C-alpha atoms as a PDB file:
ATOM      1  CA  MET A   1    -200.611  79.623   3.931  1.00  0.00           C
ATOM      2  CA  THR A   2    -202.145  81.634   1.098  1.00  0.00           C
ATOM      3  CA  PHE A   3    -200.498  84.583  -0.615  1.00  0.00           C
ATOM      4  CA  PHE A   4    -203.224  86.931   0.687  1.00  0.00           C
ATOM      5  CA  HIS A   5    -204.530  87.702   4.155  1.00  0.00           C
ATOM      6  CA  LYS A   6    -208.174  87.839   5.153  1.00  0.00           C
ATOM      7  CA  ASP A   7    -209.925  90.584   7.055  1.00  0.00           C
ATOM      8  CA  ALA A   8    -213.397  91.131   8.485  1.00  0.00           C
ATOM      9  CA  GLN A   9    -214.527  93.607   5.814  1.00  0.00           C
ATOM     10  CA  LEU A  10    -213.819  91.286   2.905  1.00  0.00           C
ATOM     11  CA  GLU A  11    -215.279  88.313   4.766  1.00  0.00           C
ATOM     12  CA  LYS A  12    -218.546  90.196   5.170  1.00  0.00           C
ATOM     13  CA  LEU A  13    -218.599  91.420   1.559  1.00  0.00           C
ATOM     14  CA  GLY A  14    -217.623  88.020   0.193  1.00  0.00           C
ATOM     15  CA  ASP A  15    -220.386  86.306   2.122  1.00  0.00           C
ATOM     16  CA  ARG A  16    -222.879  88.871   0.797  1.00  0.00           C
ATOM     17  CA  ILE A  17    -221.753  88.221  -2.781  1.00  0.00           C
ATOM     18  CA  LEU A  18    -222.219  84.487  -2.332  1.00  0.00           C
ATOM     19  CA  GLU A  19    -225.636  84.845  -0.703  1.00  0.00           C
ATOM     20  CA  ALA A  20    -226.781  87.181  -3.493  1.00  0.00           C
ATOM     21  CA  THR A  21    -225.562  84.662  -6.072  1.00  0.00           C
ATOM     22  CA  TRP A  22    -227.448  81.788  -4.469  1.00  0.00           C
ATOM     23  CA  ALA A  23    -230.568  83.953  -4.170  1.00  0.00           C
ATOM     24  CA  GLU A  24    -230.471  84.685  -7.911  1.00  0.00           C
ATOM     25  CA  PHE A  25    -229.514  81.131  -8.864  1.00  0.00           C
ATOM     26  CA  PRO A  26    -231.257  78.883  -6.297  1.00  0.00           C
ATOM     27  CA  GLY A  27    -230.350  75.765  -8.253  1.00  0.00           C
ATOM     28  CA  LEU A  28    -226.647  76.412  -7.659  1.00  0.00           C
ATOM     29  CA  ALA A  29    -225.495  74.145  -4.833  1.00  0.00           C
ATOM     30  CA  ARG A  30    -223.073  75.309  -2.157  1.00  0.00           C
ATOM     31  CA  ASN A  31    -220.434  72.951  -3.522  1.00  0.00           C
ATOM     32  CA  GLN A  32    -220.858  74.118  -7.116  1.00  0.00           C
ATOM     33  CA  ILE A  33    -219.112  77.439  -6.735  1.00  0.00           C
ATOM     34  CA  ALA A  34    -215.652  78.575  -5.675  1.00  0.00           C
ATOM     35  CA  LEU A  35    -214.414  82.135  -5.332  1.00  0.00           C
ATOM     36  CA  THR A  36    -211.088  83.817  -4.690  1.00  0.00           C
ATOM     37  CA  TRP A  37    -211.043  87.597  -4.604  1.00  0.00           C
ATOM     38  CA  VAL A  38    -207.960  89.798  -4.190  1.00  0.00           C
ATOM     39  CA  VAL A  39    -208.139  93.515  -3.409  1.00  0.00           C
ATOM     40  CA  TYR A  40    -205.399  95.963  -4.373  1.00  0.00           C
ATOM     41  CA  ASP A  41    -205.047  98.691  -1.773  1.00  0.00           C
ATOM     42  CA  PRO A  42    -202.802 101.596  -2.841  1.00  0.00           C
ATOM     43  CA  PRO A  43    -199.923 101.782  -3.230  1.00  0.00           C
ATOM     44  CA  VAL A  44    -199.962  98.652  -5.369  1.00  0.00           C
ATOM     45  CA  PRO A  45    -196.525  97.032  -5.725  1.00  0.00           C
ATOM     46  CA  VAL A  46    -195.719  96.398  -9.377  1.00  0.00           C
ATOM     47  CA  ASN A  47    -192.417  95.263 -10.851  1.00  0.00           C
ATOM     48  CA  THR A  48    -192.030  97.968 -13.478  1.00  0.00           C
ATOM     49  CA  GLY A  49    -188.880  97.679 -15.532  1.00  0.00           C
ATOM     50  CA  GLY A  50    -187.399  95.044 -13.237  1.00  0.00           C
ATOM     51  CA  ALA A  51    -187.028  97.414 -10.285  1.00  0.00           C
ATOM     52  CA  LEU A  52    -188.731  95.004  -7.860  1.00  0.00           C
ATOM     53  CA  SER A  53    -187.455  91.470  -7.423  1.00  0.00           C
ATOM     54  CA  SER A  54    -189.831  88.546  -7.209  1.00  0.00           C
ATOM     55  CA  GLU A  55    -188.711  87.829  -3.643  1.00  0.00           C
ATOM     56  CA  GLU A  56    -189.405  91.413  -2.593  1.00  0.00           C
ATOM     57  CA  PHE A  57    -192.759  91.495  -4.385  1.00  0.00           C
ATOM     58  CA  TRP A  58    -194.143  88.556  -2.426  1.00  0.00           C
ATOM     59  CA  LYS A  59    -193.305  90.317   0.851  1.00  0.00           C
ATOM     60  CA  TYR A  60    -196.043  92.860   0.148  1.00  0.00           C
ATOM     61  CA  PRO A  61    -199.337  91.478   1.504  1.00  0.00           C
ATOM     62  CA  VAL A  62    -202.659  91.867  -0.252  1.00  0.00           C
ATOM     63  CA  ARG A  63    -206.112  91.419   1.179  1.00  0.00           C
ATOM     64  CA  GLY A  64    -208.250  88.609  -0.119  1.00  0.00           C
ATOM     65  CA  PHE A  65    -211.278  86.408   0.317  1.00  0.00           C
ATOM     66  CA  SER A  66    -211.848  82.829  -0.695  1.00  0.00           C
ATOM     67  CA  TYR A  67    -214.690  80.351  -0.587  1.00  0.00           C
ATOM     68  CA  ARG A  68    -213.691  76.786  -1.412  1.00  0.00           C
ATOM     69  CA  GLY A  69    -210.518  78.307  -2.841  1.00  0.00           C
ATOM     70  CA  VAL A  70    -208.537  75.086  -2.464  1.00  0.00           C
ATOM     71  CA  GLU A  71    -211.102  72.819  -4.111  1.00  0.00           C
ATOM     72  CA  ARG A  72    -209.874  71.259  -7.359  1.00  0.00           C
ATOM     73  CA  ILE A  73    -212.126  72.185 -10.283  1.00  0.00           C
ATOM     74  CA  PHE A  74    -212.038  71.420 -13.999  1.00  0.00           C
ATOM     75  CA  PRO A  75    -210.830  74.758 -15.417  1.00  0.00           C
ATOM     76  CA  ALA A  76    -211.972  74.550 -19.053  1.00  0.00           C
ATOM     77  CA  SER A  77    -210.192  77.388 -20.900  1.00  0.00           C
ATOM     78  CA  ILE A  78    -208.706  78.913 -17.731  1.00  0.00           C
ATOM     79  CA  VAL A  79    -205.884  76.402 -18.182  1.00  0.00           C
ATOM     80  CA  LYS A  80    -204.697  78.519 -21.106  1.00  0.00           C
ATOM     81  CA  LEU A  81    -203.433  81.134 -18.630  1.00  0.00           C
ATOM     82  CA  PHE A  82    -201.140  78.525 -17.095  1.00  0.00           C
ATOM     83  CA  TYR A  83    -199.839  77.542 -20.522  1.00  0.00           C
ATOM     84  CA  LEU A  84    -199.346  81.236 -21.345  1.00  0.00           C
ATOM     85  CA  VAL A  85    -197.055  81.767 -18.357  1.00  0.00           C
ATOM     86  CA  ALA A  86    -195.211  78.513 -19.046  1.00  0.00           C
ATOM     87  CA  VAL A  87    -194.505  79.326 -22.694  1.00  0.00           C
ATOM     88  CA  GLN A  88    -193.210  82.775 -21.722  1.00  0.00           C
ATOM     89  CA  GLU A  89    -190.884  81.122 -19.191  1.00  0.00           C
ATOM     90  CA  TRP A  90    -189.618  78.661 -21.802  1.00  0.00           C
ATOM     91  CA  LEU A  91    -188.945  81.532 -24.223  1.00  0.00           C
ATOM     92  CA  GLU A  92    -187.216  83.607 -21.540  1.00  0.00           C
ATOM     93  CA  GLN A  93    -184.923  80.726 -20.614  1.00  0.00           C
ATOM     94  CA  GLY A  94    -184.124  79.861 -24.228  1.00  0.00           C
ATOM     95  CA  MET A  95    -185.700  76.423 -23.862  1.00  0.00           C
ATOM     96  CA  ILE A  96    -187.646  77.018 -27.077  1.00  0.00           C
ATOM     97  CA  GLN A  97    -187.255  79.447 -29.958  1.00  0.00           C
ATOM     98  CA  THR A  98    -189.920  81.892 -30.992  1.00  0.00           C
ATOM     99  CA  SER A  99    -191.416  81.909 -34.467  1.00  0.00           C
ATOM    100  CA  SER A 100    -194.204  83.753 -36.214  1.00  0.00           C
ATOM    101  CA  GLU A 101    -196.330  80.615 -36.021  1.00  0.00           C
ATOM    102  CA  LEU A 102    -195.776  80.148 -32.287  1.00  0.00           C
ATOM    103  CA  GLU A 103    -196.525  83.820 -31.636  1.00  0.00           C
ATOM    104  CA  ARG A 104    -199.724  83.484 -33.672  1.00  0.00           C
ATOM    105  CA  ALA A 105    -200.720  80.454 -31.630  1.00  0.00           C
ATOM    106  CA  ILE A 106    -200.017  82.219 -28.318  1.00  0.00           C
ATOM    107  CA  ARG A 107    -202.091  85.189 -29.413  1.00  0.00           C
ATOM    108  CA  ASP A 108    -205.009  83.090 -30.656  1.00  0.00           C
ATOM    109  CA  MET A 109    -204.906  80.922 -27.527  1.00  0.00           C
ATOM    110  CA  ILE A 110    -205.563  83.957 -25.321  1.00  0.00           C
ATOM    111  CA  ILE A 111    -207.320  86.472 -27.582  1.00  0.00           C
ATOM    112  CA  ASP A 112    -209.704  83.982 -29.210  1.00  0.00           C
ATOM    113  CA  SER A 113    -209.437  81.140 -26.669  1.00  0.00           C
ATOM    114  CA  SER A 114    -208.589  78.829 -29.563  1.00  0.00           C
ATOM    115  CA  ASN A 115    -208.289  75.160 -28.622  1.00  0.00           C
ATOM    116  CA  ASP A 116    -206.370  74.422 -31.818  1.00  0.00           C
ATOM    117  CA  ALA A 117    -203.817  77.129 -30.995  1.00  0.00           C
ATOM    118  CA  THR A 118    -203.492  75.794 -27.455  1.00  0.00           C
ATOM    119  CA  SER A 119    -202.767  72.349 -28.870  1.00  0.00           C
ATOM    120  CA  LEU A 120    -199.720  73.708 -30.698  1.00  0.00           C
ATOM    121  CA  VAL A 121    -198.539  75.662 -27.661  1.00  0.00           C
ATOM    122  CA  LEU A 122    -198.680  72.549 -25.477  1.00  0.00           C
ATOM    123  CA  ASP A 123    -196.867  70.542 -28.150  1.00  0.00           C
ATOM    124  CA  VAL A 124    -194.062  73.120 -28.165  1.00  0.00           C
ATOM    125  CA  LEU A 125    -193.938  73.303 -24.367  1.00  0.00           C
ATOM    126  CA  THR A 126    -193.682  69.558 -23.867  1.00  0.00           C
ATOM    127  CA  GLY A 127    -192.107  68.184 -27.029  1.00  0.00           C
ATOM    128  CA  THR A 128    -195.083  65.858 -27.439  1.00  0.00           C
ATOM    129  CA  THR A 129    -197.710  65.508 -30.140  1.00  0.00           C
ATOM    130  CA  SER A 130    -201.120  63.914 -30.399  1.00  0.00           C
ATOM    131  CA  GLY A 131    -201.545  60.747 -32.420  1.00  0.00           C
ATOM    132  CA  PRO A 132    -202.338  57.046 -32.235  1.00  0.00           C
ATOM    133  CA  GLU A 133    -201.782  55.034 -29.073  1.00  0.00           C
ATOM    134  CA  LEU A 134    -198.168  54.245 -28.181  1.00  0.00           C
ATOM    135  CA  PRO A 135    -196.469  51.090 -26.867  1.00  0.00           C
ATOM    136  CA  PRO A 136    -195.876  51.109 -23.074  1.00  0.00           C
ATOM    137  CA  GLY A 137    -192.235  52.261 -23.145  1.00  0.00           C
ATOM    138  CA  PRO A 138    -192.606  55.209 -25.523  1.00  0.00           C
ATOM    139  CA  PHE A 139    -195.913  56.129 -23.865  1.00  0.00           C
ATOM    140  CA  GLU A 140    -194.211  56.339 -20.464  1.00  0.00           C
ATOM    141  CA  THR A 141    -191.648  58.743 -21.913  1.00  0.00           C
ATOM    142  CA  TRP A 142    -194.416  60.717 -23.619  1.00  0.00           C
ATOM    143  CA  GLN A 143    -196.295  61.076 -20.312  1.00  0.00           C
ATOM    144  CA  LEU A 144    -193.151  62.230 -18.521  1.00  0.00           C
ATOM    145  CA  GLN A 145    -192.666  64.949 -21.110  1.00  0.00           C
ATOM    146  CA  ARG A 146    -196.314  65.999 -21.043  1.00  0.00           C
ATOM    147  CA  ASN A 147    -196.081  66.616 -17.290  1.00  0.00           C
ATOM    148  CA  ILE A 148    -193.247  69.145 -17.612  1.00  0.00           C
ATOM    149  CA  VAL A 149    -195.648  72.073 -17.145  1.00  0.00           C
ATOM    150  CA  ASN A 150    -196.853  70.567 -13.861  1.00  0.00           C
ATOM    151  CA  ARG A 151    -193.262  70.231 -12.698  1.00  0.00           C
ATOM    152  CA  TYR A 152    -192.574  73.861 -13.586  1.00  0.00           C
ATOM    153  CA  PHE A 153    -195.422  75.209 -11.472  1.00  0.00           C
ATOM    154  CA  GLN A 154    -194.543  72.910  -8.585  1.00  0.00           C
ATOM    155  CA  SER A 155    -190.952  74.179  -8.745  1.00  0.00           C
ATOM    156  CA  LEU A 156    -192.155  77.693  -7.887  1.00  0.00           C
ATOM    157  CA  GLY A 157    -192.715  76.551  -4.309  1.00  0.00           C
ATOM    158  CA  TRP A 158    -196.211  78.044  -4.108  1.00  0.00           C
ATOM    159  CA  THR A 159    -198.556  76.006  -1.929  1.00  0.00           C
ATOM    160  CA  GLU A 160    -201.424  76.940  -4.252  1.00  0.00           C
ATOM    161  CA  MET A 161    -199.795  74.980  -7.085  1.00  0.00           C
ATOM    162  CA  GLU A 162    -199.269  71.745  -5.164  1.00  0.00           C
ATOM    163  CA  THR A 163    -202.592  70.145  -6.126  1.00  0.00           C
ATOM    164  CA  ILE A 164    -203.195  71.434  -9.654  1.00  0.00           C
ATOM    165  CA  ASN A 165    -202.956  69.351 -12.822  1.00  0.00           C
ATOM    166  CA  VAL A 166    -202.255  71.158 -16.101  1.00  0.00           C
ATOM    167  CA  ASN A 167    -201.202  68.625 -18.717  1.00  0.00           C
ATOM    168  CA  GLN A 168    -204.184  68.170 -21.041  1.00  0.00           C
ATOM    169  CA  LYS A 169    -205.188  69.850 -24.270  1.00  0.00           C
ATOM    170  CA  PRO A 170    -208.610  71.512 -24.421  1.00  0.00           C
ATOM    171  CA  TRP A 171    -210.871  69.748 -26.899  1.00  0.00           C
ATOM    172  CA  GLY A 172    -213.975  70.286 -28.972  1.00  0.00           C
ATOM    173  CA  ASP A 173    -215.191  66.751 -29.629  1.00  0.00           C
ATOM    174  CA  GLY A 174    -212.793  65.133 -27.179  1.00  0.00           C
ATOM    175  CA  PRO A 175    -209.417  63.354 -27.184  1.00  0.00           C
ATOM    176  CA  TYR A 176    -208.484  60.321 -29.260  1.00  0.00           C
ATOM    177  CA  GLY A 177    -205.553  57.923 -29.383  1.00  0.00           C
ATOM    178  CA  ARG A 178    -202.724  58.579 -26.953  1.00  0.00           C
ATOM    179  CA  GLU A 179    -204.517  61.678 -25.665  1.00  0.00           C
ATOM    180  CA  ARG A 180    -207.528  59.585 -24.613  1.00  0.00           C
ATOM    181  CA  ALA A 181    -205.286  57.015 -22.952  1.00  0.00           C
ATOM    182  CA  PHE A 182    -203.450  59.794 -21.098  1.00  0.00           C
ATOM    183  CA  LEU A 183    -206.728  61.268 -19.857  1.00  0.00           C
ATOM    184  CA  GLY A 184    -207.513  58.009 -18.066  1.00  0.00           C
ATOM    185  CA  GLU A 185    -210.386  55.571 -18.279  1.00  0.00           C
ATOM    186  CA  MET A 186    -212.452  57.642 -15.818  1.00  0.00           C
ATOM    187  CA  ARG A 187    -210.896  60.946 -16.950  1.00  0.00           C
ATOM    188  CA  GLU A 188    -209.003  60.989 -13.665  1.00  0.00           C
ATOM    189  CA  ASN A 189    -206.058  62.819 -15.256  1.00  0.00           C
ATOM    190  CA  ARG A 190    -208.055  65.747 -16.574  1.00  0.00           C
ATOM    191  CA  ASN A 191    -206.939  69.315 -15.949  1.00  0.00           C
ATOM    192  CA  MET A 192    -207.739  70.521 -12.430  1.00  0.00           C
ATOM    193  CA  VAL A 193    -206.952  73.849 -10.785  1.00  0.00           C
ATOM    194  CA  THR A 194    -208.164  75.851  -7.803  1.00  0.00           C
ATOM    195  CA  THR A 195    -209.367  79.439  -7.624  1.00  0.00           C
ATOM    196  CA  ASN A 196    -206.524  80.204  -5.203  1.00  0.00           C
ATOM    197  CA  ALA A 197    -203.954  78.915  -7.700  1.00  0.00           C
ATOM    198  CA  THR A 198    -205.528  80.893 -10.531  1.00  0.00           C
ATOM    199  CA  ALA A 199    -205.670  84.051  -8.418  1.00  0.00           C
ATOM    200  CA  ARG A 200    -201.999  83.754  -7.488  1.00  0.00           C
ATOM    201  CA  LEU A 201    -201.038  83.202 -11.113  1.00  0.00           C
ATOM    202  CA  ILE A 202    -202.940  86.315 -12.217  1.00  0.00           C
ATOM    203  CA  HIS A 203    -201.566  88.290  -9.254  1.00  0.00           C
ATOM    204  CA  SER A 204    -198.029  87.441 -10.385  1.00  0.00           C
ATOM    205  CA  ILE A 205    -198.811  88.663 -13.910  1.00  0.00           C
ATOM    206  CA  VAL A 206    -200.407  91.895 -12.677  1.00  0.00           C
ATOM    207  CA  GLY A 207    -197.484  92.443 -10.320  1.00  0.00           C
ATOM    208  CA  GLY A 208    -194.955  92.024 -13.107  1.00  0.00           C
ATOM    209  CA  VAL A 209    -193.156  89.037 -11.595  1.00  0.00           C
ATOM    210  CA  ALA A 210    -194.522  86.286 -13.835  1.00  0.00           C
ATOM    211  CA  VAL A 211    -191.314  85.332 -15.691  1.00  0.00           C
ATOM    212  CA  SER A 212    -190.148  88.963 -16.072  1.00  0.00           C
ATOM    213  CA  SER A 213    -191.510  92.488 -16.043  1.00  0.00           C
ATOM    214  CA  GLY A 214    -191.562  92.715 -19.838  1.00  0.00           C
ATOM    215  CA  ARG A 215    -193.187  89.343 -20.349  1.00  0.00           C
ATOM    216  CA  SER A 216    -195.764  90.085 -17.643  1.00  0.00           C
ATOM    217  CA  GLN A 217    -196.704  93.276 -19.470  1.00  0.00           C
ATOM    218  CA  ALA A 218    -196.980  91.360 -22.739  1.00  0.00           C
ATOM    219  CA  MET A 219    -199.282  88.834 -21.083  1.00  0.00           C
ATOM    220  CA  MET A 220    -201.383  91.636 -19.622  1.00  0.00           C
ATOM    221  CA  GLY A 221    -201.764  93.031 -23.125  1.00  0.00           C
ATOM    222  CA  LEU A 222    -203.102  89.714 -24.400  1.00  0.00           C
ATOM    223  CA  MET A 223    -205.488  89.427 -21.444  1.00  0.00           C
ATOM    224  CA  LYS A 224    -206.897  92.953 -21.737  1.00  0.00           C
ATOM    225  CA  ARG A 225    -210.587  93.133 -22.647  1.00  0.00           C
ATOM    226  CA  SER A 226    -212.887  96.076 -23.240  1.00  0.00           C
ATOM    227  CA  LEU A 227    -215.830  96.146 -20.853  1.00  0.00           C
ATOM    228  CA  HIS A 228    -217.988  97.430 -23.688  1.00  0.00           C
ATOM    229  CA  ALA A 229    -219.605  94.334 -25.164  1.00  0.00           C
ATOM    230  CA  GLU A 230    -220.226  96.109 -28.445  1.00  0.00           C
ATOM    231  CA  ASP A 231    -216.464  96.281 -28.983  1.00  0.00           C
ATOM    232  CA  ASP A 232    -216.412  92.496 -29.362  1.00  0.00           C
ATOM    233  CA  GLU A 233    -217.990  91.442 -32.625  1.00  0.00           C
ATOM    234  CA  ALA A 234    -217.927  87.758 -31.725  1.00  0.00           C
ATOM    235  CA  PRO A 235    -221.292  85.971 -31.440  1.00  0.00           C
ATOM    236  CA  ASP A 236    -222.719  85.604 -27.936  1.00  0.00           C
ATOM    237  CA  GLU A 237    -221.353  82.098 -27.404  1.00  0.00           C
ATOM    238  CA  GLU A 238    -217.833  83.372 -28.142  1.00  0.00           C
ATOM    239  CA  ASN A 239    -218.090  86.851 -26.610  1.00  0.00           C
ATOM    240  CA  GLN A 240    -215.662  87.201 -23.713  1.00  0.00           C
ATOM    241  CA  VAL A 241    -217.539  90.039 -21.985  1.00  0.00           C
ATOM    242  CA  ARG A 242    -221.237  89.177 -22.114  1.00  0.00           C
ATOM    243  CA  GLY A 243    -222.171  86.532 -19.595  1.00  0.00           C
ATOM    244  CA  PHE A 244    -218.891  86.856 -17.700  1.00  0.00           C
ATOM    245  CA  LEU A 245    -217.611  89.065 -14.885  1.00  0.00           C
ATOM    246  CA  GLY A 246    -216.753  91.818 -17.356  1.00  0.00           C
ATOM    247  CA  GLY A 247    -220.379  91.997 -18.456  1.00  0.00           C
ATOM    248  CA  GLY A 248    -221.449  92.654 -14.884  1.00  0.00           C
ATOM    249  CA  LEU A 249    -218.907  95.439 -14.546  1.00  0.00           C
END
């Protein structure tokens, strides 16, 4: 059961959005797109200042629509949102200590979508590092540690998180050494998420129940983007508004 409920109005609108997309991009196959859409009808429940518990928050239903929302898809940089929530949880629980360098990496991971920054964040989260291939015993321990983020999201008890895999670093030229071995010969261990899982993660941040109210607000601050493309001086290939949903808005 998903965290949202469907209704006829959103089903009709969602189908229209998909048909309009396929009309504009006829080369896009039916199995090459997935969509999860959540609508916030007022009053919107938000855990402001810790007044609303996580258990109470999830009792408030939201309307939603999904198309292939449970299909596992390579997430590219979307995985950084999962690592963002995880690192905030680790900090909240005292599992790791903050530092100016870690805070810089967290910021650059989300603000600039930096792969290098994400590499450090995942190292801190898991207690692992990249490097040459390892002997079988140490490599088994290394893999167990690298999967700690997966275990965290599975521990939440959300059905949307049951099939995701978030244990790989994002790369430019690709992984080498132990990272390549961990990815698998056929890349079968690559990151995979669903649009339903991503939507629930974002919904928890917006609702102020991702880790804590304060940390949710901090994450929202990092995720905030101006819808005015001219406010982002990055070149087109790095601009986070043009060519994305924000550009259409």
